[in-house]
Amino acid sequence: MLLGLDIGGSSLKAGLVDLNGKLVRRESVATPTSLIDFRRLADSLISRVASGTQIVAAGIGCPGIIHSSSTRVENLPGRMNYLQGFILRDLMEGIVPPDALILADNDARAALAGELMFGSARGKSNALMLTLGSGVGGAIALNGILVRGFSGVAGHIGHMTVNPQGSYCLCGNRGCLETYFSARAFEVEALAAIQRGCDSLLRQRFGADPLSITCLDVFDCAGEGDPIARSIIERGMRYLGGVIAGLLHTLDSEVVILGGQIIQAGPALLDPLRRDVERRTHSLLGRTVPIVTASVGENSGIIGAASLPLHAARMERTAAVK
């Protein structure tokens, strides 16, 4: 069995995954607010999940910049910054056999590993993944290899500059993609329109409680013809389409995979995005690149983490054959 640990901002999830990518056991706990509590809860969680099972390898997915082989958390700003400098493999000590391969990586990269092994990128060597949520995460597979870059920062697609004079981003840059396309960006724009008193469906529905509005509410209002909601979504979509087109021209990916909460918008997101990217890229690429949703499912964090050692082993076998 493979052991996967998914470290998230709201919950820690652990599970056993078989070699066919099937989740056979799963448990979760709320993410703690201190390192002491984190170690205690994670140890208990992993022990319960692994009990009575022979673990052949383990993987850990975590936000931030993670050194894959050492499993050290290099950089993790925000409420979980207590993990910065922590060696994640230490959580497996005494639970996973000493000779078992343990790898860790950024959560988006782990999700792409799961898609390469068991999901929408299975059988493909060149894939681009974007996770569309409160920010925009990303991961790249190039000739079968998960691209990490010199310091592990590769794949932070949400921090690509789309407007050099745009709004400041939490990363310190200006005009990052996720300041225009993300759940947070859509909600902030909708809230501002409501507070300015703009006549719109958004104001009619959420004027009494504007802080309750969600990204999907903005999509719904846009779909019902509200011009302000539509302008917010369309502007974000233009930036997202431009970024994906630029990446396809750079990477020549076989498939683009979208994950994260915003994909719940369904055709309202996918249909115009596919048309825009096709229009921007077909002349140079000479083909239509599929834009699909992640298929590993709601447990993609666990399965993706467990896929990290499996994917690494496949890359080693491929290199040996060559």
Protein backbone atom coordinates (compact mmCIF):
# COMPACT_ATOMS: atom_id res chain seq x y z
CA MET A 1 0.00 0.00 0.00
CA LEU A 2 0.96 3.61 -0.55
CA LEU A 3 0.46 6.19 2.18
CA GLY A 4 -0.58 9.72 1.25
CA LEU A 5 -0.68 12.76 3.53
CA ASP A 6 -2.41 15.92 2.31
CA ILE A 7 -1.58 18.99 4.39
CA GLY A 8 -4.13 21.74 3.81
CA GLY A 9 -5.00 25.06 5.34
CA SER A 10 -8.21 23.73 6.89
CA SER A 11 -7.56 20.01 7.31
CA LEU A 12 -4.94 17.26 7.41
CA LYS A 13 -5.98 14.19 5.43
CA ALA A 14 -4.25 10.83 5.31
CA GLY A 15 -5.12 7.70 3.40
CA LEU A 16 -4.03 4.36 2.01
CA VAL A 17 -3.94 4.07 -1.77
CA ASP A 18 -3.43 0.86 -3.72
CA LEU A 19 -1.24 0.59 -6.82
CA ASN A 20 -4.27 1.19 -9.04
CA GLY A 21 -4.97 4.55 -7.44
CA LYS A 22 -7.93 3.38 -5.36
CA LEU A 23 -8.35 4.97 -1.94
CA VAL A 24 -8.98 2.19 0.56
CA ARG A 25 -8.78 4.05 3.87
CA ARG A 26 -9.07 7.73 4.79
CA GLU A 27 -9.12 9.90 7.89
CA SER A 28 -8.86 13.64 8.52
CA VAL A 29 -8.50 16.19 11.30
CA ALA A 30 -8.67 19.98 11.43
CA THR A 31 -5.35 21.69 10.73
CA PRO A 32 -3.84 22.86 14.03
CA THR A 33 -2.35 26.28 14.70
CA SER A 34 1.01 25.31 16.26
CA LEU A 35 3.88 22.96 15.44
CA ILE A 36 3.45 21.02 18.69
CA ASP A 37 -0.21 20.31 17.95
CA PHE A 38 0.59 19.61 14.30
CA ARG A 39 3.12 16.91 15.17
CA ARG A 40 0.81 15.35 17.73
CA LEU A 41 -2.27 15.27 15.50
CA ALA A 42 -0.40 14.23 12.34
CA ASP A 43 1.34 11.39 14.19
CA SER A 44 -1.96 10.10 15.53
CA LEU A 45 -3.66 10.47 12.14
CA ILE A 46 -0.93 8.64 10.21
CA SER A 47 -0.70 5.88 12.83
CA ARG A 48 -4.44 5.18 12.63
CA VAL A 49 -4.45 5.09 8.85
CA ALA A 50 -1.35 2.90 8.55
CA SER A 51 -2.29 0.49 11.35
CA GLY A 52 -1.98 -3.18 10.37
CA THR A 53 -0.82 -2.38 6.83
CA GLN A 54 2.50 -2.84 5.06
CA ILE A 55 3.49 0.52 3.59
CA VAL A 56 5.82 0.33 0.57
CA ALA A 57 6.18 4.09 -0.01
CA ALA A 58 4.72 7.38 1.18
CA GLY A 59 4.14 10.85 -0.19
CA ILE A 60 3.22 14.21 1.32
CA GLY A 61 1.56 17.16 -0.38
CA CYS A 62 1.92 20.55 1.31
CA PRO A 63 1.41 24.20 0.35
CA GLY A 64 4.47 26.36 -0.16
CA ILE A 65 7.92 25.56 -1.51
CA ILE A 66 8.97 22.04 -0.60
CA HIS A 67 12.29 20.28 -1.21
CA SER A 68 11.11 16.99 -2.64
CA SER A 69 13.80 14.54 -1.61
CA SER A 70 14.70 16.01 1.80
CA THR A 71 10.99 16.88 2.39
CA ARG A 72 12.01 20.17 4.03
CA VAL A 73 9.47 23.00 3.99
CA GLU A 74 11.54 25.83 2.51
CA ASN A 75 8.94 28.59 2.46
CA LEU A 76 5.36 28.64 3.70
CA PRO A 77 3.91 32.08 4.48
CA GLY A 78 0.61 32.60 6.29
CA ARG A 79 -1.06 30.83 9.18
CA MET A 80 0.95 27.61 8.70
CA ASN A 81 4.36 29.26 8.70
CA TYR A 82 5.22 27.27 11.82
CA LEU A 83 6.10 24.45 9.39
CA GLN A 84 8.86 26.47 7.74
CA GLY A 85 12.10 24.52 8.10
CA PHE A 86 10.29 21.36 9.22
CA ILE A 87 11.31 17.99 7.71
CA LEU A 88 8.03 16.37 6.75
CA ARG A 89 9.42 12.83 6.53
CA ASP A 90 9.91 12.94 10.32
CA LEU A 91 6.14 12.48 10.60
CA MET A 92 6.53 8.97 9.15
CA GLU A 93 9.25 7.83 11.56
CA GLY A 94 8.35 4.52 13.20
CA ILE A 95 5.30 4.12 10.96
CA VAL A 96 6.82 3.65 7.51
CA PRO A 97 9.67 1.11 7.07
CA PRO A 98 13.13 2.77 7.19
CA ASP A 99 13.92 1.69 3.61
CA ALA A 100 10.62 2.95 2.15
CA LEU A 101 10.77 5.88 -0.26
CA ILE A 102 9.22 9.04 1.23
CA LEU A 103 8.80 12.12 -0.96
CA ALA A 104 7.08 15.45 -0.44
CA ASP A 105 6.15 18.25 -2.80
CA ASN A 106 4.02 21.30 -3.31
CA ASP A 107 0.33 20.37 -3.23
CA ALA A 108 -0.34 21.39 -6.85
CA ARG A 109 2.59 19.29 -8.06
CA ALA A 110 1.31 16.36 -6.02
CA ALA A 111 -2.12 16.78 -7.62
CA LEU A 112 -0.52 16.65 -11.08
CA ALA A 113 1.39 13.48 -10.09
CA GLY A 114 -1.98 11.90 -9.31
CA GLU A 115 -3.39 12.98 -12.67
CA LEU A 116 -0.32 11.62 -14.49
CA MET A 117 -0.58 8.25 -12.76
CA PHE A 118 -4.33 7.76 -12.52
CA GLY A 119 -6.26 10.67 -14.02
CA SER A 120 -6.68 13.08 -16.91
CA ALA A 121 -2.97 13.04 -17.87
CA ARG A 122 -2.50 9.28 -17.72
CA GLY A 123 -0.39 8.11 -20.64
CA LYS A 124 0.83 11.65 -21.36
CA SER A 125 4.27 13.14 -20.77
CA ASN A 126 3.58 16.87 -21.16
CA ALA A 127 0.82 18.35 -19.07
CA LEU A 128 -0.10 21.68 -17.53
CA MET A 129 -2.23 21.90 -14.40
CA LEU A 130 -3.86 24.92 -12.80
CA THR A 131 -5.67 24.84 -9.47
CA LEU A 132 -8.26 27.61 -9.45
CA GLY A 133 -9.30 28.55 -5.94
CA SER A 134 -8.69 31.45 -3.57
CA GLY A 135 -5.45 31.83 -5.55
CA VAL A 136 -4.10 30.09 -8.64
CA GLY A 137 -1.69 27.22 -8.17
CA GLY A 138 0.00 25.30 -10.92
CA ALA A 139 2.23 22.45 -11.92
CA ILE A 140 4.06 21.41 -15.08
CA ALA A 141 5.07 18.02 -16.44
CA LEU A 142 7.68 18.22 -19.19
CA ASN A 143 8.73 15.02 -20.95
CA GLY A 144 7.32 13.10 -18.00
CA ILE A 145 9.23 15.05 -15.36
CA LEU A 146 7.54 17.22 -12.74
CA VAL A 147 9.23 20.58 -13.21
CA ARG A 148 10.54 22.09 -9.97
CA GLY A 149 13.13 24.59 -11.18
CA PHE A 150 16.29 25.68 -9.41
CA SER A 151 14.71 26.42 -6.02
CA GLY A 152 11.38 24.59 -6.26
CA VAL A 153 9.32 27.64 -7.23
CA ALA A 154 8.37 26.45 -10.75
CA GLY A 155 4.64 26.27 -11.36
CA HIS A 156 3.47 29.34 -9.43
CA ILE A 157 1.27 30.29 -12.36
CA GLY A 158 -0.92 32.58 -10.27
CA HIS A 159 2.06 34.91 -9.89
CA MET A 160 2.67 35.43 -13.58
CA THR A 161 2.44 39.15 -14.33
CA VAL A 162 -0.51 40.03 -16.57
CA ASN A 163 -0.55 43.77 -15.84
CA PRO A 164 2.78 45.34 -14.82
CA GLN A 165 0.98 48.35 -13.29
CA GLY A 166 -1.82 46.33 -11.72
CA SER A 167 -2.85 45.77 -8.12
CA TYR A 168 -0.33 44.64 -5.54
CA CYS A 169 -0.28 40.91 -4.84
CA LEU A 170 0.53 39.18 -1.55
CA CYS A 171 3.77 37.93 -3.16
CA GLY A 172 5.03 41.53 -3.48
CA ASN A 173 4.59 41.74 -7.26
CA ARG A 174 2.01 43.83 -9.09
CA GLY A 175 -0.61 42.61 -11.52
CA CYS A 176 -0.33 38.86 -10.87
CA LEU A 177 -2.86 36.63 -12.59
CA GLU A 178 -4.55 35.73 -9.31
CA THR A 179 -5.27 39.39 -8.56
CA TYR A 180 -7.63 39.24 -11.57
CA PHE A 181 -8.66 35.60 -11.79
CA SER A 182 -9.27 33.81 -8.49
CA ALA A 183 -12.15 33.29 -6.10
CA ARG A 184 -10.73 36.04 -3.91
CA ALA A 185 -10.42 38.48 -6.82
CA PHE A 186 -13.97 37.89 -8.05
CA GLU A 187 -15.41 38.26 -4.55
CA VAL A 188 -13.48 41.48 -3.88
CA GLU A 189 -14.65 43.03 -7.16
CA ALA A 190 -18.27 42.03 -6.53
CA LEU A 191 -18.13 43.37 -2.97
CA ALA A 192 -16.74 46.69 -4.20
CA ALA A 193 -19.53 47.01 -6.78
CA ILE A 194 -22.19 46.33 -4.13
CA GLN A 195 -20.66 48.81 -1.67
CA ARG A 196 -20.53 51.49 -4.38
CA GLY A 197 -24.28 51.01 -4.77
CA CYS A 198 -24.12 49.82 -8.40
CA ASP A 199 -27.52 48.68 -9.63
CA SER A 200 -27.10 44.99 -10.28
CA LEU A 201 -28.39 41.52 -9.52
CA LEU A 202 -25.42 41.19 -7.19
CA ARG A 203 -26.70 44.10 -5.10
CA GLN A 204 -30.28 42.83 -5.13
CA ARG A 205 -29.24 39.44 -3.78
CA PHE A 206 -26.34 40.29 -1.51
CA GLY A 207 -26.82 43.95 -0.58
CA ALA A 208 -27.98 43.01 2.91
CA ASP A 209 -24.98 40.76 3.51
CA PRO A 210 -22.30 41.50 0.89
CA LEU A 211 -19.59 39.58 2.75
CA SER A 212 -21.51 36.35 2.12
CA ILE A 213 -20.97 36.49 -1.63
CA THR A 214 -18.87 33.71 -3.15
CA CYS A 215 -17.05 33.32 -6.42
CA LEU A 216 -19.71 30.88 -7.67
CA ASP A 217 -22.42 33.43 -6.84
CA VAL A 218 -20.68 35.87 -9.20
CA PHE A 219 -20.66 33.20 -11.93
CA ASP A 220 -24.36 32.52 -11.32
CA CYS A 221 -25.30 36.21 -11.59
CA ALA A 222 -23.19 36.55 -14.74
CA GLY A 223 -25.01 33.57 -16.24
CA GLU A 224 -28.33 35.28 -15.51
CA GLY A 225 -27.24 38.31 -17.50
CA ASP A 226 -26.08 40.71 -14.79
CA PRO A 227 -23.73 43.09 -16.65
CA ILE A 228 -21.51 43.86 -13.66
CA ALA A 229 -21.02 40.22 -12.72
CA ARG A 230 -20.40 39.40 -16.36
CA SER A 231 -17.77 42.13 -16.70
CA ILE A 232 -15.94 40.82 -13.59
CA ILE A 233 -15.88 37.25 -14.92
CA GLU A 234 -15.04 38.20 -18.50
CA ARG A 235 -12.09 40.35 -17.47
CA GLY A 236 -10.65 37.55 -15.33
CA MET A 237 -11.23 35.02 -18.10
CA ARG A 238 -9.32 37.14 -20.62
CA TYR A 239 -6.28 37.16 -18.35
CA LEU A 240 -6.54 33.43 -17.64
CA GLY A 241 -6.92 32.58 -21.33
CA GLY A 242 -3.92 34.74 -22.21
CA VAL A 243 -1.75 33.07 -19.56
CA ILE A 244 -2.74 29.54 -20.63
CA ALA A 245 -2.11 30.40 -24.29
CA GLY A 246 1.33 31.80 -23.45
CA LEU A 247 2.21 28.70 -21.46
CA LEU A 248 1.08 26.41 -24.28
CA HIS A 249 3.25 28.35 -26.73
CA THR A 250 6.16 27.95 -24.30
CA LEU A 251 5.67 24.37 -23.12
CA ASP A 252 3.76 22.70 -25.99
CA SER A 253 1.67 20.71 -23.49
CA GLU A 254 -0.58 17.84 -24.56
CA VAL A 255 -3.35 18.68 -22.13
CA VAL A 256 -4.40 21.41 -19.70
CA ILE A 257 -5.99 20.17 -16.47
CA LEU A 258 -8.04 22.44 -14.23
CA GLY A 259 -8.71 21.73 -10.55
CA GLY A 260 -9.89 23.72 -7.55
CA GLN A 261 -13.21 25.12 -6.39
CA ILE A 262 -13.83 27.39 -9.39
CA ILE A 263 -14.23 24.42 -11.76
CA GLN A 264 -17.62 23.94 -10.09
CA ALA A 265 -18.75 26.78 -12.38
CA GLY A 266 -18.76 24.13 -15.12
CA PRO A 267 -19.57 25.22 -18.69
CA ALA A 268 -19.68 28.89 -17.64
CA LEU A 269 -15.94 28.59 -17.07
CA LEU A 270 -14.89 25.89 -19.50
CA ASP A 271 -16.75 26.80 -22.70
CA PRO A 272 -15.51 30.41 -23.12
CA LEU A 273 -12.04 29.48 -21.87
CA ARG A 274 -11.70 26.70 -24.43
CA ARG A 275 -12.82 29.02 -27.24
CA ASP A 276 -10.42 31.76 -26.19
CA VAL A 277 -7.38 29.49 -25.82
CA GLU A 278 -8.19 27.80 -29.15
CA ARG A 279 -8.38 31.19 -30.87
CA ARG A 280 -5.08 32.30 -29.39
CA THR A 281 -3.06 29.12 -30.00
CA HIS A 282 -4.35 27.21 -33.02
CA SER A 283 -2.32 29.07 -35.63
CA LEU A 284 1.03 28.33 -33.98
CA LEU A 285 0.29 24.93 -32.45
CA GLY A 286 -1.77 23.62 -35.37
CA ARG A 287 -3.95 21.58 -33.00
CA THR A 288 -6.53 21.94 -30.31
CA VAL A 289 -5.16 21.33 -26.83
CA PRO A 290 -7.78 19.69 -24.59
CA ILE A 291 -8.73 21.70 -21.51
CA VAL A 292 -10.24 19.25 -19.04
CA THR A 293 -11.08 19.04 -15.36
CA ALA A 294 -9.12 16.96 -12.89
CA SER A 295 -10.51 13.42 -12.74
CA VAL A 296 -8.84 11.90 -9.67
CA GLY A 297 -11.73 13.25 -7.60
CA GLU A 298 -12.43 14.71 -4.18
CA ASN A 299 -9.54 12.78 -2.60
CA SER A 300 -7.03 14.12 -5.12
CA GLY A 301 -4.83 15.53 -2.34
CA ILE A 302 -4.28 12.13 -0.73
CA ILE A 303 -4.04 10.20 -4.00
CA GLY A 304 -1.74 12.82 -5.49
CA ALA A 305 0.57 12.72 -2.48
CA ALA A 306 0.67 8.92 -2.59
CA SER A 307 1.45 9.13 -6.31
CA LEU A 308 4.69 11.09 -5.77
CA PRO A 309 6.91 8.04 -5.02
CA LEU A 310 5.08 6.01 -7.67
CA HIS A 311 5.75 8.67 -10.31
CA ALA A 312 9.40 8.99 -9.21
CA ALA A 313 9.85 5.23 -9.53
CA ARG A 314 8.37 5.32 -13.04
CA MET A 315 10.78 8.07 -14.04
CA GLU A 316 13.71 5.99 -12.72
CA ARG A 317 12.60 2.96 -14.77
CA THR A 318 12.24 5.14 -17.87
CA ALA A 319 15.73 6.60 -17.39
CA ALA A 320 17.19 3.11 -16.89
CA VAL A 321 15.68 1.91 -20.18
CA LYS A 322 17.18 4.86 -22.03
